[in-house]
């Protein structure tokens, strides 16, 4: 079941509403860049997970309603979660469940408690991990704790909270694969331009709890999975690598992806052996529960093939590429501003969510060659030098994570 919500009115199809929003912000701001940033901030407010859970999950006496599904709470409830947006989801769900919640373990990204206050007296244990959205020892420890919890519950009610970034926060490779081997493989896939679906296909083949693995561990416990989508088309088996959804990807598909990116001959024998084993989702039991899918309207995420040695996320790369290309058009009748940002607020290995591109930026690049920075995948360094870094968008953890947000204003010049 899908709940569709618009990210702020500016993303609607009605041109008059778009103009009204831009005009409203422009009254109090001097530049289109400021308008774009404000729209971005307001958009993030709309998709805060707490608000979504509060609207969709209700408790009346001993009956819990998740949209149009009702559950009688006559046994203990548990919560597990993983992803960039699950902290807010978990906090709100604990408030709703109250005394019915017995215990929870939720893996959240490193640094989130620098932005959000940690709840005290909580029955949920929060584990920080996956710095730079890469699986690490902290995330591995949290994943082991989640596995142990799920392994030891029986016919209770288990809530599974999932959002983008969940794959990196639930790393439990199938032995004998080591965490380092898995890290290297996923890092190399990302550098060579693999999209999220391709990376998750591989993750599902080499992980204990992905590709329906968590559901297998939880059986016969009843499972309610609340998902905040960050993938176009909302394929539940791909969001955070589908921990509660049977894996329908074949072994051949995973092998084809590795060969496509020329990685098959580079991976260790441990990964080859695990992938070569038949592990399709047909063995995963049907979960006795509902999958409530919370989605927002967004535009897709760009994919960058990393060939250089620089630093910068995909949104900074896109903004820089846009500026270079739009300046080639030599448009004189209008100023064009373009914002490209990740809604998680921590885009890649930098402290910037993205950047704002402007159409006249060549006037400010007399001593900088933007093309060289672009080719070296070093957009972050470029924007640090360009106009004193004021075009970088730095907002820290947002507590949510849907797809990237791309906004453009074309502002006619007075003639």
Protein backbone atom coordinates (compact mmCIF):
# COMPACT_ATOMS: atom_id res chain seq x y z
CA UNK A 1 0.00 0.00 0.00
CA UNK A 2 1.40 3.37 -1.00
CA UNK A 3 0.86 6.81 0.47
CA UNK A 4 1.75 9.47 -2.09
CA UNK A 5 2.66 12.96 -0.87
CA UNK A 6 4.01 15.94 -2.74
CA UNK A 7 7.26 17.56 -1.65
CA UNK A 8 6.00 21.08 -1.15
CA UNK A 9 3.68 22.80 -3.59
CA UNK A 10 6.51 23.83 -5.90
CA UNK A 11 6.65 20.27 -7.27
CA UNK A 12 3.03 20.26 -8.37
CA UNK A 13 2.06 20.43 -12.02
CA UNK A 14 0.10 23.69 -11.75
CA UNK A 15 2.31 26.46 -13.15
CA UNK A 16 0.34 29.17 -11.35
CA UNK A 17 0.98 27.52 -7.98
CA UNK A 18 4.68 27.23 -8.75
CA UNK A 19 4.82 30.95 -9.60
CA UNK A 20 2.96 31.82 -6.40
CA UNK A 21 5.44 29.87 -4.27
CA UNK A 22 8.47 31.46 -5.92
CA UNK A 23 6.92 34.94 -5.69
CA UNK A 24 6.12 34.41 -2.01
CA UNK A 25 9.70 33.55 -1.12
CA UNK A 26 11.20 36.20 -3.38
CA UNK A 27 9.43 38.96 -1.45
CA UNK A 28 11.76 38.38 1.49
CA UNK A 29 14.88 37.27 -0.38
CA UNK A 30 17.23 39.03 -2.73
CA UNK A 31 18.41 36.16 -4.93
CA UNK A 32 17.02 33.12 -6.69
CA UNK A 33 19.64 31.05 -4.90
CA UNK A 34 18.09 32.01 -1.57
CA UNK A 35 14.64 31.14 -2.89
CA UNK A 36 15.82 27.69 -3.98
CA UNK A 37 17.42 27.04 -0.60
CA UNK A 38 14.28 28.04 1.27
CA UNK A 39 12.11 25.80 -0.91
CA UNK A 40 14.56 22.97 -0.23
CA UNK A 41 14.33 23.52 3.54
CA UNK A 42 10.52 23.64 3.45
CA UNK A 43 10.46 20.48 1.35
CA UNK A 44 12.51 18.66 3.98
CA UNK A 45 10.04 19.76 6.67
CA UNK A 46 7.14 18.23 4.75
CA UNK A 47 8.73 14.77 4.57
CA UNK A 48 9.86 14.41 8.18
CA UNK A 49 9.29 10.76 9.20
CA UNK A 50 7.67 11.70 12.52
CA UNK A 51 4.86 13.44 10.66
CA UNK A 52 4.31 10.50 8.34
CA UNK A 53 4.15 7.96 11.19
CA UNK A 54 1.85 10.19 13.24
CA UNK A 55 -0.55 10.45 10.33
CA UNK A 56 -0.60 6.74 9.51
CA UNK A 57 -0.28 4.83 12.81
CA UNK A 58 -2.94 5.15 15.52
CA UNK A 59 -3.53 3.34 18.83
CA UNK A 60 -6.99 2.98 20.36
CA UNK A 61 -6.96 1.00 23.60
CA UNK A 62 -5.41 -2.35 22.61
CA UNK A 63 -5.89 -2.01 18.88
CA UNK A 64 -3.28 -0.53 16.58
CA UNK A 65 -4.31 0.77 13.17
CA UNK A 66 -1.76 1.17 10.40
CA UNK A 67 -3.80 2.88 7.72
CA UNK A 68 -6.61 0.40 7.03
CA UNK A 69 -5.04 -2.59 8.82
CA UNK A 70 -5.81 -3.21 12.51
CA UNK A 71 -3.75 -5.31 14.91
CA UNK A 72 -4.79 -6.46 18.36
CA UNK A 73 -1.93 -5.79 20.76
CA UNK A 74 -2.29 -8.77 23.07
CA UNK A 75 1.40 -9.72 22.93
CA UNK A 76 4.68 -7.78 23.25
CA UNK A 77 5.79 -5.55 20.39
CA UNK A 78 9.34 -5.12 19.14
CA UNK A 79 10.99 -2.60 16.82
CA UNK A 80 14.02 -2.96 14.58
CA UNK A 81 15.10 -0.40 12.03
CA UNK A 82 17.88 0.75 9.75
CA UNK A 83 18.29 3.76 7.49
CA UNK A 84 18.87 7.49 7.40
CA UNK A 85 15.24 8.30 8.21
CA UNK A 86 14.38 5.67 10.81
CA UNK A 87 15.29 7.65 13.93
CA UNK A 88 12.24 9.87 13.64
CA UNK A 89 10.09 6.90 12.65
CA UNK A 90 11.22 4.96 15.73
CA UNK A 91 10.75 7.86 18.14
CA UNK A 92 7.19 8.46 16.98
CA UNK A 93 6.30 4.76 16.88
CA UNK A 94 7.54 4.28 20.45
CA UNK A 95 5.28 7.14 21.51
CA UNK A 96 2.32 5.46 19.83
CA UNK A 97 2.98 1.96 21.21
CA UNK A 98 3.74 3.08 24.75
CA UNK A 99 3.64 0.20 27.24
CA UNK A 100 3.06 -2.32 24.45
CA UNK A 101 6.65 -1.92 23.27
CA UNK A 102 9.05 -4.31 24.96
CA UNK A 103 12.34 -3.63 23.18
CA UNK A 104 13.86 -2.17 20.03
CA UNK A 105 17.18 -1.91 18.22
CA UNK A 106 17.58 0.70 15.49
CA UNK A 107 20.67 1.40 13.41
CA UNK A 108 21.08 5.09 12.50
CA UNK A 109 23.78 6.99 10.57
CA UNK A 110 26.85 8.35 12.34
CA UNK A 111 26.41 11.95 13.46
CA UNK A 112 22.63 12.05 13.61
CA UNK A 113 22.67 12.90 17.33
CA UNK A 114 24.68 16.01 16.59
CA UNK A 115 21.51 17.33 14.95
CA UNK A 116 18.74 15.57 16.85
CA UNK A 117 18.45 15.14 20.61
CA UNK A 118 18.65 11.52 21.74
CA UNK A 119 15.48 10.39 23.48
CA UNK A 120 16.03 9.43 27.12
CA UNK A 121 14.28 6.58 28.96
CA UNK A 122 13.70 4.81 25.66
CA UNK A 123 13.14 1.09 25.23
CA UNK A 124 14.93 1.39 21.90
CA UNK A 125 18.70 1.10 21.67
CA UNK A 126 20.16 3.24 18.89
CA UNK A 127 23.39 2.17 17.21
CA UNK A 128 25.30 4.68 15.07
CA UNK A 129 27.20 3.38 12.06
CA UNK A 130 27.84 3.53 8.30
CA UNK A 131 29.95 6.68 8.13
CA UNK A 132 29.83 8.15 4.61
CA UNK A 133 27.03 5.67 3.90
CA UNK A 134 29.45 2.74 3.85
CA UNK A 135 29.08 -0.39 5.99
CA UNK A 136 31.47 -0.42 8.93
CA UNK A 137 32.16 -2.28 12.18
CA UNK A 138 29.63 -0.19 14.12
CA UNK A 139 26.86 -0.98 11.64
CA UNK A 140 27.94 -4.62 11.65
CA UNK A 141 27.62 -4.78 15.44
CA UNK A 142 24.17 -3.22 15.24
CA UNK A 143 23.14 -5.71 12.56
CA UNK A 144 24.26 -8.59 14.78
CA UNK A 145 22.18 -7.17 17.63
CA UNK A 146 19.14 -6.93 15.36
CA UNK A 147 19.65 -10.53 14.23
CA UNK A 148 19.91 -11.76 17.80
CA UNK A 149 16.73 -9.93 18.78
CA UNK A 150 14.73 -11.17 15.80
CA UNK A 151 16.04 -14.72 16.27
CA UNK A 152 14.65 -14.89 19.81
CA UNK A 153 11.10 -13.62 19.40
CA UNK A 154 8.29 -16.03 18.61
CA UNK A 155 4.67 -15.14 17.85
CA UNK A 156 4.97 -11.50 18.89
CA UNK A 157 4.48 -8.40 16.71
CA UNK A 158 7.62 -7.05 15.04
CA UNK A 159 7.81 -3.61 13.46
CA UNK A 160 10.55 -3.23 10.85
CA UNK A 161 11.41 0.38 9.99
CA UNK A 162 13.21 0.82 6.68
CA UNK A 163 14.50 3.79 4.71
CA UNK A 164 17.17 4.69 2.20
CA UNK A 165 20.64 4.08 3.56
CA UNK A 166 19.37 0.91 5.21
CA UNK A 167 21.62 -1.34 3.17
CA UNK A 168 24.79 0.20 4.62
CA UNK A 169 23.29 0.08 8.11
CA UNK A 170 22.43 -3.62 7.99
CA UNK A 171 25.70 -5.24 6.87
CA UNK A 172 25.87 -8.88 7.87
CA UNK A 173 27.70 -10.74 5.11
CA UNK A 174 27.23 -14.45 4.60
CA UNK A 175 30.31 -16.32 5.87
CA UNK A 176 33.06 -16.64 4.87
CA UNK A 177 32.72 -13.15 3.33
CA UNK A 178 34.29 -10.51 5.57
CA UNK A 179 32.99 -7.01 6.10
CA UNK A 180 36.09 -5.56 4.42
CA UNK A 181 35.54 -7.70 1.33
CA UNK A 182 31.95 -6.53 1.15
CA UNK A 183 32.98 -2.90 1.67
CA UNK A 184 35.48 -3.06 -1.18
CA UNK A 185 32.98 -4.62 -3.55
CA UNK A 186 30.22 -2.07 -2.89
CA UNK A 187 32.70 0.81 -3.05
CA UNK A 188 34.02 -0.39 -6.42
CA UNK A 189 30.51 -0.83 -7.80
CA UNK A 190 29.65 2.73 -6.80
CA UNK A 191 32.84 4.16 -8.32
CA UNK A 192 32.20 2.41 -11.61
CA UNK A 193 28.71 3.80 -11.95
CA UNK A 194 26.45 1.00 -10.74
CA UNK A 195 22.98 2.29 -9.89
CA UNK A 196 21.16 1.54 -6.63
CA UNK A 197 19.24 -1.39 -8.09
CA UNK A 198 22.42 -3.08 -9.30
CA UNK A 199 24.21 -2.58 -6.00
CA UNK A 200 21.25 -3.92 -4.04
CA UNK A 201 21.07 -6.99 -6.29
CA UNK A 202 24.63 -7.81 -5.22
CA UNK A 203 23.98 -6.95 -1.58
CA UNK A 204 21.03 -9.34 -1.45
CA UNK A 205 23.15 -12.22 -2.71
CA UNK A 206 25.91 -11.82 -0.13
CA UNK A 207 23.99 -10.76 3.00
CA UNK A 208 22.24 -12.76 5.72
CA UNK A 209 19.33 -10.37 6.35
CA UNK A 210 18.82 -8.79 2.93
CA UNK A 211 16.65 -10.26 0.21
CA UNK A 212 14.05 -11.55 2.67
CA UNK A 213 16.60 -12.83 5.16
CA UNK A 214 15.23 -10.81 8.08
CA UNK A 215 11.73 -12.16 7.43
CA UNK A 216 13.08 -15.71 7.50
CA UNK A 217 14.71 -15.05 10.86
CA UNK A 218 11.51 -13.49 12.24
CA UNK A 219 9.19 -16.33 11.20
CA UNK A 220 6.61 -17.15 12.63
CA UNK A 221 6.51 -13.69 14.22
CA UNK A 222 4.00 -11.30 12.67
CA UNK A 223 5.77 -8.48 10.82
CA UNK A 224 4.64 -4.94 10.00
CA UNK A 225 7.16 -3.19 7.75
CA UNK A 226 7.04 0.60 7.46
CA UNK A 227 9.07 1.85 4.51
CA UNK A 228 10.17 5.31 3.40
CA UNK A 229 11.07 4.90 -0.27
CA UNK A 230 14.10 6.38 -1.99
CA UNK A 231 13.92 4.41 -5.24
CA UNK A 232 11.92 5.23 -8.39
CA UNK A 233 8.92 2.94 -8.74
CA UNK A 234 9.12 1.92 -5.06
CA UNK A 235 10.26 -1.69 -5.52
CA UNK A 236 10.01 -3.03 -1.98
CA UNK A 237 12.57 -5.73 -2.69
CA UNK A 238 15.19 -3.09 -3.48
CA UNK A 239 14.63 -0.48 -0.77
CA UNK A 240 17.43 -1.19 1.72
CA UNK A 241 17.88 -4.42 -0.26
CA UNK A 242 14.48 -5.81 0.73
CA UNK A 243 15.11 -7.37 4.17
CA UNK A 244 11.49 -8.52 4.50
CA UNK A 245 10.76 -9.23 0.83
CA UNK A 246 11.63 -12.50 -0.93
CA UNK A 247 14.55 -12.11 -3.32
CA UNK A 248 13.44 -12.69 -6.91
CA UNK A 249 16.79 -11.76 -8.48
CA UNK A 250 18.62 -14.66 -10.00
CA UNK A 251 22.19 -15.67 -9.48
CA UNK A 252 22.77 -14.95 -13.15
CA UNK A 253 21.68 -11.34 -12.70
CA UNK A 254 24.24 -10.78 -9.95
CA UNK A 255 26.99 -12.37 -12.02
CA UNK A 256 26.05 -10.23 -15.04
CA UNK A 257 26.36 -7.05 -12.95
CA UNK A 258 29.81 -8.02 -11.69
CA UNK A 259 30.95 -8.75 -15.23
CA UNK A 260 29.38 -5.57 -16.58
CA UNK A 261 31.61 -3.50 -14.29
CA UNK A 262 34.64 -5.76 -14.82
CA UNK A 263 34.69 -6.85 -11.18
CA UNK A 264 34.13 -10.59 -11.39
CA UNK A 265 37.80 -11.38 -11.85
CA UNK A 266 38.76 -8.98 -9.04
CA UNK A 267 36.51 -10.21 -6.24
CA UNK A 268 37.79 -12.72 -3.66
CA UNK A 269 36.90 -16.40 -3.84
CA UNK A 270 34.65 -16.06 -0.77
CA UNK A 271 32.25 -13.75 -2.64
CA UNK A 272 32.37 -15.88 -5.79
CA UNK A 273 31.45 -19.00 -3.85
CA UNK A 274 28.52 -17.35 -2.06
CA UNK A 275 27.12 -15.80 -5.24
CA UNK A 276 27.49 -19.06 -7.15
CA UNK A 277 25.32 -20.88 -4.61
CA UNK A 278 21.63 -20.99 -5.41
CA UNK A 279 19.95 -18.63 -2.93
CA UNK A 280 16.79 -17.33 -4.54
CA UNK A 281 13.84 -16.07 -2.54
CA UNK A 282 11.63 -19.11 -3.08
CA UNK A 283 12.69 -20.47 0.32
CA UNK A 284 11.56 -17.37 2.20
CA UNK A 285 8.30 -18.03 4.09
CA UNK A 286 5.32 -15.78 3.51
CA UNK A 287 5.34 -13.16 6.24
CA UNK A 288 2.14 -12.91 8.15
CA UNK A 289 1.89 -9.14 8.13
CA UNK A 290 1.42 -6.01 6.09
CA UNK A 291 3.88 -3.80 4.28
CA UNK A 292 2.89 -0.19 4.70
CA UNK A 293 4.79 1.88 2.21
CA UNK A 294 5.20 5.61 2.79
CA UNK A 295 6.37 7.40 -0.36
CA UNK A 296 6.98 10.96 -1.50
CA UNK A 297 7.03 12.52 -4.95
CA UNK A 298 10.58 13.24 -6.02
CA UNK A 299 12.84 13.21 -9.04
CA UNK A 300 15.40 10.45 -9.51
CA UNK A 301 19.02 10.36 -8.44
CA UNK A 302 21.93 10.94 -10.85
CA UNK A 303 24.63 8.30 -11.11
CA UNK A 304 28.27 9.32 -11.41
CA UNK A 305 31.06 7.17 -12.80
CA UNK A 306 34.07 8.08 -10.65
CA UNK A 307 37.21 8.35 -12.75
CA UNK A 308 39.08 11.06 -10.85
CA UNK A 309 40.56 11.38 -7.39
CA UNK A 310 38.61 14.38 -6.15
CA UNK A 311 35.85 14.75 -3.60
CA UNK A 312 32.17 15.52 -4.02
CA UNK A 313 28.78 13.84 -4.12
CA UNK A 314 26.63 13.20 -7.14
CA UNK A 315 24.59 16.38 -6.60
CA UNK A 316 27.63 18.64 -6.51
CA UNK A 317 28.87 16.94 -9.68
CA UNK A 318 25.50 17.49 -11.36
CA UNK A 319 25.36 21.16 -10.34
CA UNK A 320 28.84 21.81 -11.73
CA UNK A 321 28.10 19.95 -14.96
CA UNK A 322 24.87 21.93 -15.34
CA UNK A 323 26.66 25.26 -14.94
CA UNK A 324 29.24 24.33 -17.56
CA UNK A 325 26.64 23.20 -20.08
CA UNK A 326 24.16 26.03 -19.56
CA UNK A 327 26.93 28.59 -20.00
CA UNK A 328 27.73 27.08 -23.39
CA UNK A 329 24.25 28.14 -24.53
CA UNK A 330 25.07 31.81 -24.05
CA UNK A 331 21.59 32.72 -22.78
CA UNK A 332 21.31 36.50 -22.33
CA UNK A 333 17.59 36.99 -21.71
CA UNK A 334 17.36 35.22 -18.34
CA UNK A 335 19.24 34.20 -15.24
CA UNK A 336 19.06 30.49 -14.48
CA UNK A 337 19.58 28.98 -11.05
CA UNK A 338 19.53 25.24 -10.38
CA UNK A 339 19.65 23.43 -7.04
CA UNK A 340 20.62 19.78 -6.76
CA UNK A 341 20.62 18.29 -3.26
CA UNK A 342 20.26 15.02 -1.42
CA UNK A 343 17.35 15.03 0.99
CA UNK A 344 19.42 13.19 3.61
CA UNK A 345 21.56 16.32 3.94
CA UNK A 346 24.84 14.39 3.89
CA UNK A 347 25.61 13.81 0.25
CA UNK A 348 28.51 11.37 -0.07
CA UNK A 349 31.86 11.85 1.70
CA UNK A 350 31.47 15.60 2.25
CA UNK A 351 29.50 17.88 4.55
CA UNK A 352 27.43 19.26 1.66
CA UNK A 353 24.01 18.06 0.58
CA UNK A 354 24.63 19.48 -2.87
CA UNK A 355 25.10 22.81 -4.57
CA UNK A 356 23.39 25.65 -6.42
CA UNK A 357 24.40 26.22 -10.03
CA UNK A 358 24.12 29.62 -11.69
CA UNK A 359 24.07 30.46 -15.38
CA UNK A 360 26.60 33.32 -15.26
CA UNK A 361 29.19 31.47 -13.23
CA UNK A 362 31.94 31.84 -15.85
CA UNK A 363 32.19 35.50 -14.81
CA UNK A 364 33.48 34.26 -11.44
CA UNK A 365 35.86 31.55 -12.68
CA UNK A 366 38.70 33.57 -14.19
CA UNK A 367 41.33 31.80 -12.10
CA UNK A 368 39.57 28.43 -11.90
CA UNK A 369 39.08 25.85 -14.65
CA UNK A 370 35.71 24.19 -13.81
CA UNK A 371 36.11 21.51 -16.47
CA UNK A 372 39.25 20.13 -14.81
CA UNK A 373 37.44 19.87 -11.48
CA UNK A 374 34.51 18.14 -13.16
CA UNK A 375 36.73 15.59 -14.88
CA UNK A 376 38.54 14.86 -11.60
CA UNK A 377 35.22 14.36 -9.78
CA UNK A 378 36.29 17.20 -7.51
CA UNK A 379 33.19 19.36 -7.46
CA UNK A 380 33.47 19.96 -3.72
CA UNK A 381 36.92 21.54 -4.06
CA UNK A 382 35.65 23.66 -6.93
CA UNK A 383 32.72 25.03 -4.96
CA UNK A 384 34.92 25.68 -1.94
CA UNK A 385 37.01 28.05 -4.08
CA UNK A 386 34.16 29.38 -6.22
CA UNK A 387 32.58 32.52 -4.71
CA UNK A 388 33.98 31.60 -1.29
CA UNK A 389 31.98 28.39 -1.06
CA UNK A 390 28.61 30.11 -0.76
CA UNK A 391 27.04 27.92 -3.45
CA UNK A 392 27.52 24.72 -1.44
CA UNK A 393 24.40 23.65 0.46
CA UNK A 394 25.30 22.48 3.97
CA UNK A 395 22.46 21.52 6.29
CA UNK A 396 23.75 18.44 8.12
CA UNK A 397 21.54 15.45 8.88
CA UNK A 398 17.91 16.10 7.95
CA UNK A 399 16.49 13.02 9.67
CA UNK A 400 14.88 11.90 6.44
CA UNK A 401 15.94 10.39 3.13
CA UNK A 402 13.96 10.18 -0.05
CA UNK A 403 15.44 10.79 -3.48
CA UNK A 404 17.43 13.81 -4.52
CA UNK A 405 15.65 17.10 -5.03
CA UNK A 406 16.26 19.18 -8.15
CA UNK A 407 14.82 22.68 -8.50
CA UNK A 408 15.28 25.33 -11.17
CA UNK A 409 14.30 28.98 -11.48
CA UNK A 410 14.46 30.77 -14.84
CA UNK A 411 14.28 34.47 -14.08
CA UNK A 412 13.80 36.77 -17.13
CA UNK A 413 16.05 39.80 -17.14
CA UNK A 414 14.56 43.28 -17.40
CA UNK A 415 15.01 44.68 -20.89
